[in-house]
N, C-alpha and C. Protein backbone atom coordinates (compact mmCIF):
# COMPACT_ATOMS: atom_id res chain seq x y z
N UNK A 1 -36.85 -8.76 -12.57
CA UNK A 1 -35.38 -7.69 -12.75
C UNK A 1 -35.66 -7.31 -11.50
N UNK A 2 -34.68 -7.11 -10.84
CA UNK A 2 -34.56 -6.02 -9.76
C UNK A 2 -33.08 -4.99 -9.84
N UNK A 3 -33.48 -3.37 -10.53
CA UNK A 3 -32.13 -3.01 -10.89
C UNK A 3 -32.13 -2.44 -9.48
N UNK A 4 -30.53 -2.22 -8.77
CA UNK A 4 -29.33 -1.97 -7.93
C UNK A 4 -28.61 -0.67 -8.44
N UNK A 5 -29.52 0.52 -7.93
CA UNK A 5 -28.52 1.39 -8.03
C UNK A 5 -27.66 1.53 -7.15
N UNK A 6 -26.08 2.01 -7.42
CA UNK A 6 -24.87 1.48 -6.97
C UNK A 6 -24.26 2.57 -6.82
N UNK A 7 -23.08 2.84 -6.30
CA UNK A 7 -22.38 4.09 -6.19
C UNK A 7 -22.03 4.34 -4.68
N UNK A 8 -20.82 5.18 -4.79
CA UNK A 8 -20.81 6.12 -3.35
C UNK A 8 -22.25 7.15 -3.40
N UNK A 9 -22.14 7.81 -2.28
CA UNK A 9 -23.05 8.40 -1.86
C UNK A 9 -23.01 10.07 -2.60
N UNK A 10 -23.72 10.53 -3.01
CA UNK A 10 -24.09 11.71 -3.70
C UNK A 10 -23.45 11.83 -5.44
N UNK A 11 -24.13 10.01 -5.71
CA UNK A 11 -23.23 9.66 -7.41
C UNK A 11 -24.93 9.44 -7.89
N UNK A 12 -26.17 10.16 -7.03
CA UNK A 12 -27.42 10.38 -8.35
C UNK A 12 -28.17 9.19 -8.38
N UNK A 13 -28.16 8.28 -6.99
CA UNK A 13 -28.79 7.09 -7.15
C UNK A 13 -29.76 7.28 -7.12
N UNK A 14 -30.65 7.69 -6.02
CA UNK A 14 -31.79 8.23 -5.98
C UNK A 14 -32.50 9.00 -6.85
N UNK A 15 -31.99 9.92 -7.28
CA UNK A 15 -32.59 11.16 -8.66
C UNK A 15 -33.05 9.99 -10.03
N UNK A 16 -31.65 9.02 -10.17
CA UNK A 16 -31.59 8.58 -11.82
C UNK A 16 -33.16 7.48 -10.90
N UNK A 17 -33.01 6.65 -10.22
CA UNK A 17 -33.92 5.66 -9.83
C UNK A 17 -35.27 6.16 -9.36
N UNK A 18 -35.66 7.29 -9.40
CA UNK A 18 -37.29 7.90 -9.17
C UNK A 18 -37.08 7.88 -10.52
N UNK A 19 -36.61 8.35 -11.48
CA UNK A 19 -36.45 8.44 -12.53
C UNK A 19 -37.29 7.38 -13.60
N UNK A 20 -36.46 6.61 -13.78
CA UNK A 20 -36.61 5.28 -14.21
C UNK A 20 -38.27 4.45 -13.24
N UNK A 21 -38.26 4.87 -12.31
CA UNK A 21 -39.51 4.09 -11.72
C UNK A 21 -40.57 4.83 -12.59
N UNK A 22 -40.46 6.05 -12.33
CA UNK A 22 -41.38 6.63 -13.00
C UNK A 22 -41.47 6.34 -14.54
N UNK A 23 -41.03 5.98 -15.15
CA UNK A 23 -41.11 5.46 -16.37
C UNK A 23 -40.82 3.88 -17.00
N UNK A 24 -40.60 3.76 -15.73
CA UNK A 24 -41.02 1.68 -16.12
C UNK A 24 -42.30 1.59 -15.37
N UNK A 25 -42.67 2.33 -14.63
CA UNK A 25 -43.62 2.13 -13.41
C UNK A 25 -43.80 0.69 -12.81
N UNK A 26 -42.10 0.47 -12.41
CA UNK A 26 -41.84 -0.19 -11.42
C UNK A 26 -41.55 0.62 -9.43
N UNK A 27 -41.51 -0.75 -8.79
CA UNK A 27 -41.14 -0.27 -6.95
C UNK A 27 -40.22 0.17 -7.14
N UNK A 28 -40.04 1.52 -6.58
CA UNK A 28 -38.84 1.95 -5.89
C UNK A 28 -38.86 1.75 -4.65
N UNK A 29 -37.58 1.22 -4.41
CA UNK A 29 -36.82 1.46 -2.65
C UNK A 29 -36.34 2.27 -2.31
N UNK A 30 -36.17 2.79 -1.12
CA UNK A 30 -34.29 3.85 -1.37
C UNK A 30 -34.11 3.15 0.00
N UNK A 31 -32.83 2.49 -0.96
CA UNK A 31 -32.15 1.71 0.67
C UNK A 31 -31.80 2.56 1.70
N UNK A 32 -31.54 3.29 1.50
CA UNK A 32 -30.98 4.55 2.86
C UNK A 32 -32.22 3.97 4.15
N UNK A 33 -33.19 4.24 3.62
CA UNK A 33 -34.53 4.05 3.96
C UNK A 33 -34.58 2.83 5.15
N UNK A 34 -33.69 1.93 4.73
CA UNK A 34 -33.76 0.14 5.60
C UNK A 34 -32.73 0.57 6.52
N UNK A 35 -31.83 1.61 6.44
CA UNK A 35 -30.92 1.30 7.32
C UNK A 35 -30.71 1.46 8.93
N UNK A 36 -30.74 0.66 10.09
CA UNK A 36 -31.01 0.15 11.07
C UNK A 36 -30.57 2.36 12.17
N UNK A 37 -31.32 2.49 12.47
CA UNK A 37 -31.35 3.61 12.92
C UNK A 37 -29.63 4.10 13.73
N UNK A 38 -29.14 2.98 14.04
CA UNK A 38 -27.96 2.84 14.55
C UNK A 38 -26.64 3.57 13.71
N UNK A 39 -26.97 3.06 12.21
CA UNK A 39 -26.44 3.32 11.44
C UNK A 39 -26.32 4.99 10.85
N UNK A 40 -27.70 5.12 11.39
CA UNK A 40 -28.05 6.55 10.35
C UNK A 40 -27.30 7.64 11.56
N UNK A 41 -27.32 7.44 12.94
CA UNK A 41 -26.24 8.27 13.66
C UNK A 41 -25.10 7.74 13.66
N UNK A 42 -24.54 7.22 13.05
CA UNK A 42 -23.23 6.38 13.42
C UNK A 42 -22.65 7.69 11.85
N UNK A 43 -23.45 7.52 11.34
CA UNK A 43 -23.13 8.23 9.36
C UNK A 43 -23.25 10.03 9.99
N UNK A 44 -23.91 10.18 10.57
CA UNK A 44 -24.78 11.50 10.71
C UNK A 44 -23.79 12.05 11.86
N UNK A 45 -23.29 11.31 12.17
CA UNK A 45 -21.55 11.48 13.48
C UNK A 45 -20.65 11.74 13.01
N UNK A 46 -20.60 11.49 11.71
CA UNK A 46 -19.37 11.87 10.77
C UNK A 46 -18.52 10.65 10.92
N UNK A 47 -18.73 8.77 11.39
CA UNK A 47 -17.90 8.14 11.89
C UNK A 47 -18.31 6.66 10.22
N UNK A 48 -17.65 6.46 9.65
CA UNK A 48 -17.90 5.59 8.25
C UNK A 48 -18.33 3.99 9.06
N UNK A 49 -19.42 3.70 8.55
CA UNK A 49 -19.89 2.77 8.63
C UNK A 49 -18.95 1.31 8.56
N UNK A 50 -18.59 0.27 9.31
CA UNK A 50 -17.41 -1.01 9.14
C UNK A 50 -18.73 -1.84 8.38
N UNK A 51 -17.98 -3.42 7.72
CA UNK A 51 -19.00 -4.32 7.56
C UNK A 51 -19.66 -5.07 8.32
N UNK A 52 -19.37 -4.79 10.05
CA UNK A 52 -20.30 -5.37 10.69
C UNK A 52 -21.49 -4.36 10.23
N UNK A 53 -21.08 -2.91 10.71
CA UNK A 53 -22.58 -2.20 10.58
C UNK A 53 -23.21 -2.49 9.11
N UNK A 54 -23.05 -2.96 8.37
CA UNK A 54 -23.96 -2.56 7.57
C UNK A 54 -24.63 -3.94 6.83
N UNK A 55 -24.49 -4.90 7.74
CA UNK A 55 -24.62 -6.83 7.59
C UNK A 55 -26.18 -6.69 7.79
N UNK A 56 -27.11 -6.08 8.85
CA UNK A 56 -28.47 -6.00 8.91
C UNK A 56 -28.76 -5.11 7.77
N UNK A 57 -28.17 -4.08 7.72
CA UNK A 57 -28.57 -3.41 6.26
C UNK A 57 -28.43 -3.91 5.13
N UNK A 58 -27.76 -4.80 4.88
CA UNK A 58 -27.55 -5.39 3.18
C UNK A 58 -28.73 -6.40 3.48
N UNK A 59 -28.92 -7.53 4.30
CA UNK A 59 -30.15 -8.70 3.96
C UNK A 59 -31.21 -7.77 4.53
N UNK A 60 -31.75 -6.63 4.78
CA UNK A 60 -32.62 -6.20 4.77
C UNK A 60 -32.98 -6.09 3.02
N UNK A 61 -31.97 -5.33 2.14
CA UNK A 61 -32.07 -4.92 1.00
C UNK A 61 -32.03 -6.37 0.35
N UNK A 62 -31.56 -7.16 0.61
CA UNK A 62 -31.63 -8.28 -0.09
C UNK A 62 -33.11 -9.08 0.02
N UNK A 63 -33.53 -8.84 0.93
CA UNK A 63 -34.88 -9.57 1.70
C UNK A 63 -35.79 -8.88 0.52
N UNK A 64 -35.36 -7.46 0.10
CA UNK A 64 -36.53 -6.18 -0.78
C UNK A 64 -36.19 -6.91 -1.73
N UNK A 65 -35.40 -7.43 -2.12
CA UNK A 65 -35.13 -7.92 -3.82
C UNK A 65 -35.24 -9.06 -4.19
N UNK A 66 -35.38 -10.00 -3.12
CA UNK A 66 -36.05 -11.37 -3.20
C UNK A 66 -37.62 -11.28 -3.03
N UNK A 67 -37.60 -10.33 -2.46
CA UNK A 67 -39.37 -10.11 -2.30
C UNK A 67 -39.71 -10.33 -3.91
N UNK A 68 -39.19 -8.78 -4.38
CA UNK A 68 -39.75 -8.47 -6.12
C UNK A 68 -39.48 -9.87 -6.14
N UNK A 69 -38.18 -10.49 -6.78
CA UNK A 69 -38.13 -11.69 -7.43
C UNK A 69 -39.49 -13.15 -7.22
N UNK A 70 -39.40 -13.18 -5.88
CA UNK A 70 -40.37 -14.26 -5.42
C UNK A 70 -41.45 -14.20 -6.05
N UNK A 71 -41.89 -12.53 -6.01
CA UNK A 71 -43.24 -12.76 -6.82
C UNK A 71 -43.36 -12.25 -8.12
N UNK A 72 -42.01 -12.57 -9.17
CA UNK A 72 -42.41 -12.71 -10.11
C UNK A 72 -42.67 -10.85 -10.57
N UNK A 73 -42.34 -10.09 -10.25
CA UNK A 73 -41.86 -8.78 -10.19
C UNK A 73 -40.77 -7.85 -10.02
N UNK A 74 -40.73 -6.65 -10.92
CA UNK A 74 -39.71 -5.73 -11.30
C UNK A 74 -39.62 -4.99 -10.12
N UNK A 75 -38.57 -4.30 -10.19
CA UNK A 75 -38.49 -3.25 -8.92
C UNK A 75 -36.64 -2.58 -8.95
N UNK A 76 -37.09 -1.51 -8.56
CA UNK A 76 -36.03 -0.77 -8.29
C UNK A 76 -35.24 -0.20 -7.31
N UNK A 77 -33.94 -0.34 -6.43
CA UNK A 77 -33.66 -0.18 -5.26
C UNK A 77 -32.51 0.21 -5.27
N UNK A 78 -32.11 1.35 -4.13
CA UNK A 78 -30.55 2.03 -3.82
C UNK A 78 -29.99 1.44 -3.14
N UNK A 79 -28.38 1.34 -3.53
CA UNK A 79 -27.74 0.64 -2.44
C UNK A 79 -26.37 0.73 -2.60
N UNK A 80 -25.58 1.86 -1.62
CA UNK A 80 -24.40 2.21 -2.33
C UNK A 80 -23.40 0.49 -2.96
N UNK A 81 -23.69 -0.10 -2.05
CA UNK A 81 -22.84 -1.88 -2.51
C UNK A 81 -21.75 -2.13 -3.13
N UNK A 82 -21.20 -0.91 -2.26
CA UNK A 82 -19.46 -0.70 -2.27
C UNK A 82 -18.46 -1.44 -2.50
N UNK A 83 -18.62 -3.17 -2.18
CA UNK A 83 -17.60 -3.82 -2.18
C UNK A 83 -18.44 -5.35 -2.51
N UNK A 84 -17.86 -6.09 -3.30
CA UNK A 84 -18.23 -7.56 -3.82
C UNK A 84 -18.75 -8.09 -2.93
N UNK A 85 -18.10 -8.02 -2.13
CA UNK A 85 -19.03 -9.39 -0.90
C UNK A 85 -20.69 -8.81 -0.55
N UNK A 86 -20.79 -7.45 -0.38
CA UNK A 86 -21.96 -6.48 -0.77
C UNK A 86 -22.96 -6.86 -1.51
N UNK A 87 -22.07 -6.96 -2.57
CA UNK A 87 -23.03 -7.04 -4.07
C UNK A 87 -23.45 -8.70 -4.04
N UNK A 88 -22.47 -9.78 -3.09
CA UNK A 88 -22.77 -10.94 -3.06
C UNK A 88 -24.08 -11.34 -2.47
N UNK A 89 -24.44 -10.98 -1.11
CA UNK A 89 -25.26 -10.62 -0.32
C UNK A 89 -26.68 -10.10 -1.13
N UNK A 90 -26.71 -9.19 -1.81
CA UNK A 90 -27.97 -8.88 -2.19
C UNK A 90 -28.23 -9.31 -3.59
N UNK A 91 -27.55 -10.11 -4.37
CA UNK A 91 -27.50 -10.85 -5.65
C UNK A 91 -27.16 -12.24 -4.69
N UNK A 92 -27.72 -12.51 -3.49
CA UNK A 92 -27.38 -13.75 -3.43
C UNK A 92 -28.45 -15.47 -4.07
N UNK A 93 -29.37 -15.23 -4.97
CA UNK A 93 -29.73 -16.44 -5.55
C UNK A 93 -28.71 -16.37 -7.05
N UNK A 94 -28.57 -15.44 -7.11
CA UNK A 94 -27.45 -15.27 -8.58
C UNK A 94 -28.14 -15.23 -9.65
N UNK A 95 -29.78 -14.54 -9.96
CA UNK A 95 -30.26 -14.53 -10.77
C UNK A 95 -30.70 -13.29 -10.39
N UNK A 96 -31.44 -12.34 -12.05
CA UNK A 96 -32.40 -11.13 -11.36
C UNK A 96 -31.87 -10.18 -10.99
N UNK A 97 -30.84 -10.18 -11.27
CA UNK A 97 -30.38 -8.39 -10.13
C UNK A 97 -29.51 -7.92 -11.32
N UNK A 98 -29.77 -6.81 -11.69
CA UNK A 98 -28.42 -6.08 -11.94
C UNK A 98 -28.36 -4.83 -11.39
N UNK A 99 -26.65 -4.93 -11.48
CA UNK A 99 -25.86 -3.47 -10.65
C UNK A 99 -25.69 -2.24 -11.82
N UNK A 100 -26.84 -1.57 -11.65
CA UNK A 100 -26.17 -0.30 -12.00
C UNK A 100 -25.06 0.98 -11.73
N UNK A 101 -24.25 0.92 -11.62
CA UNK A 101 -22.92 1.74 -11.24
C UNK A 101 -22.85 2.87 -11.78
N UNK A 102 -23.15 3.84 -10.74
CA UNK A 102 -23.09 5.39 -11.47
C UNK A 102 -21.71 5.66 -10.44
N UNK A 103 -21.12 5.86 -11.84
CA UNK A 103 -19.37 5.86 -11.01
C UNK A 103 -19.16 7.49 -11.91
N UNK A 104 -18.70 7.92 -11.08
CA UNK A 104 -18.07 9.14 -10.98
C UNK A 104 -16.40 9.79 -9.83
N UNK A 105 -16.01 10.69 -10.24
CA UNK A 105 -14.84 11.46 -9.21
C UNK A 105 -15.47 11.93 -8.18
N UNK A 106 -14.25 12.11 -7.38
CA UNK A 106 -14.94 12.84 -5.93
C UNK A 106 -15.00 14.32 -5.98
N UNK A 107 -14.16 14.49 -7.54
CA UNK A 107 -14.20 16.13 -8.28
C UNK A 107 -15.58 16.02 -8.55
N UNK A 108 -16.36 15.16 -8.92
CA UNK A 108 -17.91 15.73 -9.56
C UNK A 108 -18.92 15.79 -8.15
N UNK A 109 -18.78 14.20 -6.88
CA UNK A 109 -19.40 14.37 -6.81
C UNK A 109 -19.26 15.07 -5.62
N UNK A 110 -18.32 15.77 -5.05
CA UNK A 110 -18.04 16.63 -3.78
C UNK A 110 -18.68 17.65 -3.73
N UNK A 111 -18.92 18.32 -4.54
CA UNK A 111 -20.39 19.65 -4.67
C UNK A 111 -21.45 18.84 -4.33
N UNK A 112 -21.95 17.60 -4.75
CA UNK A 112 -23.12 18.07 -4.88
C UNK A 112 -23.17 16.83 -2.86
N UNK A 113 -22.75 16.24 -3.10
CA UNK A 113 -22.82 16.26 -1.82
C UNK A 113 -22.54 17.66 -0.64
N UNK A 114 -22.07 18.15 -0.97
CA UNK A 114 -21.77 19.37 -0.08
C UNK A 114 -23.15 20.34 -0.30
N UNK A 115 -23.65 19.93 -1.33
CA UNK A 115 -24.95 21.26 -1.86
C UNK A 115 -26.26 20.39 -0.84
N UNK A 116 -26.46 19.04 -0.70
CA UNK A 116 -27.27 18.20 -0.15
C UNK A 116 -27.18 18.80 1.14
N UNK A 117 -29.29 19.25 1.27
CA UNK A 117 -29.21 19.78 3.00
C UNK A 117 -29.89 19.04 3.73
N UNK A 118 -30.69 17.69 3.29
CA UNK A 118 -31.36 17.04 4.23
C UNK A 118 -31.14 15.55 4.17
N UNK A 119 -29.59 15.01 3.80
CA UNK A 119 -29.14 13.84 4.08
C UNK A 119 -27.97 13.71 5.30
N UNK A 120 -28.45 12.25 5.74
CA UNK A 120 -27.52 11.96 6.79
C UNK A 120 -25.94 11.83 6.79
N UNK A 121 -26.34 11.36 5.45
CA UNK A 121 -24.49 11.71 5.31
C UNK A 121 -23.63 13.12 4.85
N UNK A 122 -22.78 13.07 6.08
CA UNK A 122 -21.97 13.63 5.54
C UNK A 122 -20.85 14.21 4.56
N UNK A 123 -20.76 14.98 3.80
CA UNK A 123 -19.60 15.14 2.74
C UNK A 123 -18.36 14.80 3.37
N UNK A 124 -18.32 14.77 4.63
CA UNK A 124 -16.53 14.15 4.92
C UNK A 124 -16.61 12.87 5.02
N UNK A 125 -17.65 11.89 4.57
CA UNK A 125 -17.32 10.27 4.42
C UNK A 125 -17.22 10.61 3.23
N UNK A 126 -16.94 10.99 2.13
CA UNK A 126 -17.01 10.38 1.04
C UNK A 126 -15.50 10.13 0.62
N UNK A 127 -14.42 10.32 1.49
CA UNK A 127 -13.61 9.69 1.30
C UNK A 127 -13.31 7.79 1.49
N UNK A 128 -13.99 7.92 2.66
CA UNK A 128 -14.16 6.94 2.73
C UNK A 128 -15.01 5.68 1.94
N UNK A 129 -16.07 6.12 1.48
CA UNK A 129 -16.53 5.39 0.43
C UNK A 129 -16.01 5.16 -0.51
N UNK A 130 -15.21 6.09 -1.10
CA UNK A 130 -14.43 5.63 -2.20
C UNK A 130 -12.95 4.94 -1.72
N UNK A 131 -12.57 4.93 -0.82
CA UNK A 131 -11.67 3.82 -0.11
C UNK A 131 -12.37 2.47 -0.16
N UNK A 132 -13.45 2.08 0.39
CA UNK A 132 -14.42 0.95 0.18
C UNK A 132 -14.83 0.68 -1.12
N UNK A 133 -14.98 1.33 -2.19
CA UNK A 133 -15.55 1.00 -3.30
C UNK A 133 -14.63 -0.35 -4.30
N UNK A 134 -15.09 -0.70 -4.77
CA UNK A 134 -14.77 -2.36 -5.38
C UNK A 134 -15.54 -1.78 -7.06
N UNK A 135 -15.12 -1.70 -7.97
CA UNK A 135 -16.25 -1.84 -8.98
C UNK A 135 -16.26 -3.21 -9.32
N UNK A 136 -17.47 -2.99 -9.78
CA UNK A 136 -18.31 -4.23 -10.01
C UNK A 136 -17.16 -5.68 -11.34
N UNK A 137 -16.94 -6.33 -10.92
CA UNK A 137 -15.85 -7.34 -12.03
C UNK A 137 -16.58 -7.77 -13.26
N UNK A 138 -16.24 -8.43 -13.81
CA UNK A 138 -16.71 -8.73 -15.49
C UNK A 138 -17.60 -10.01 -15.33
N UNK A 139 -17.88 -10.47 -14.17
CA UNK A 139 -18.25 -11.98 -14.02
C UNK A 139 -19.61 -11.07 -12.86
N UNK A 140 -19.45 -9.81 -12.58
CA UNK A 140 -21.11 -9.34 -12.33
C UNK A 140 -22.30 -9.23 -12.87
N UNK A 141 -23.07 -9.54 -12.93
CA UNK A 141 -24.12 -8.11 -13.76
C UNK A 141 -24.90 -7.17 -13.51
N UNK A 142 -23.75 -6.10 -13.92
CA UNK A 142 -23.75 -4.62 -14.35
C UNK A 142 -23.57 -4.04 -15.12
N UNK A 143 -23.85 -2.95 -15.56
CA UNK A 143 -23.69 -1.65 -16.58
C UNK A 143 -22.73 -0.63 -15.60
N UNK A 144 -22.18 0.00 -16.11
CA UNK A 144 -21.66 1.26 -15.61
C UNK A 144 -21.73 2.36 -16.59
N UNK A 145 -22.34 3.34 -15.43
CA UNK A 145 -22.77 4.55 -16.25
C UNK A 145 -22.33 5.65 -15.74
N UNK A 146 -21.73 6.58 -16.59
CA UNK A 146 -20.75 8.07 -16.23
C UNK A 146 -21.85 8.85 -15.24
N UNK A 147 -21.78 9.56 -14.45
CA UNK A 147 -22.55 10.23 -13.87
C UNK A 147 -22.55 11.86 -14.23
N UNK A 148 -21.99 12.21 -15.47
CA UNK A 148 -21.55 13.38 -15.74
C UNK A 148 -22.69 14.50 -16.41
N UNK A 149 -23.56 13.58 -17.34
CA UNK A 149 -24.70 14.18 -17.86
C UNK A 149 -25.51 14.10 -17.06
N UNK A 150 -26.85 14.45 -17.28
CA UNK A 150 -27.87 15.30 -16.40
C UNK A 150 -29.02 13.69 -16.15
N UNK A 151 -29.57 13.81 -15.37
CA UNK A 151 -30.26 12.46 -14.76
C UNK A 151 -30.81 11.69 -15.82
N UNK A 152 -31.88 12.83 -16.21
CA UNK A 152 -32.88 12.19 -17.38
C UNK A 152 -31.96 11.75 -18.58
N UNK A 153 -30.93 11.81 -18.99
CA UNK A 153 -29.90 11.36 -19.87
C UNK A 153 -29.68 9.76 -19.53
N UNK A 154 -28.46 9.96 -18.01
CA UNK A 154 -28.81 8.85 -17.98
C UNK A 154 -29.28 8.14 -17.33
N UNK A 155 -30.70 8.17 -16.99
CA UNK A 155 -31.72 7.08 -17.09
C UNK A 155 -31.66 6.65 -18.74
N UNK A 156 -32.06 7.97 -19.72
CA UNK A 156 -32.22 7.36 -20.70
C UNK A 156 -31.40 5.93 -21.27
N UNK A 157 -29.63 6.30 -20.83
CA UNK A 157 -28.85 5.47 -20.79
C UNK A 157 -29.27 4.30 -20.61
N UNK A 158 -29.73 4.09 -19.32
CA UNK A 158 -29.51 2.92 -18.92
C UNK A 158 -30.65 2.18 -18.95
N UNK A 159 -31.67 2.89 -19.78
CA UNK A 159 -33.04 1.93 -20.30
C UNK A 159 -32.82 1.42 -21.52
N UNK A 160 -31.72 2.23 -22.35
CA UNK A 160 -31.70 1.38 -24.04
C UNK A 160 -30.19 1.31 -23.83
N UNK A 161 -29.62 0.62 -22.81
CA UNK A 161 -28.41 -0.48 -22.43
C UNK A 161 -29.16 -1.63 -21.99
N UNK A 162 -30.02 -1.90 -21.20
CA UNK A 162 -30.65 -2.34 -20.61
C UNK A 162 -31.85 -3.37 -21.57
N UNK A 163 -32.56 -2.44 -22.99
CA UNK A 163 -33.34 -2.96 -23.66
C UNK A 163 -34.44 -2.84 -23.21
N UNK A 164 -35.27 -1.90 -21.87
CA UNK A 164 -36.88 -1.71 -21.34
C UNK A 164 -37.11 -0.70 -22.33
N UNK A 165 -36.81 -0.78 -23.08
CA UNK A 165 -38.22 0.62 -24.05
C UNK A 165 -37.27 1.20 -24.79
N UNK A 166 -38.05 2.33 -25.17
CA UNK A 166 -37.51 3.46 -25.70
C UNK A 166 -38.08 4.78 -24.60
N UNK A 167 -36.44 5.27 -25.03
CA UNK A 167 -37.07 6.83 -23.13
C UNK A 167 -37.62 7.74 -23.89
N UNK A 168 -37.80 8.16 -22.93
CA UNK A 168 -38.73 9.68 -23.25
C UNK A 168 -37.85 10.64 -24.05
């Protein structure tokens, strides 16, 4: 199984995935690290990515997912996966992937983004992220998690929901 922690920038994907990776002992990939440099520069300049900009990145995320599943290994990766079409690329084989949707409001996420200091994604792009966001449909393999509680509590809920052992 590969868990794809998804949601808009600032929803806590990296933090929660790191906790889960530590508790489960699964390999973890920061999806932002797979972005082509041109995408990073575009976002750093305050320009939202287009679907075309995201194609190469989504293909790399899908390759990482497939490599885990092909090897019979579990894993965790972060990826905004904002649109259904993006999730279809990532879950192209149709099994083995569960999207963990970290859901929260702009009012909750905006202050988090404003407080970040080392990330290339400026808070000014949050509106574009929410504009692109399509909640996973009932036919997509996913769980929805509210980002209000502390990250450790969120991780415990994910582990419970997926039946992946007793949370710490």
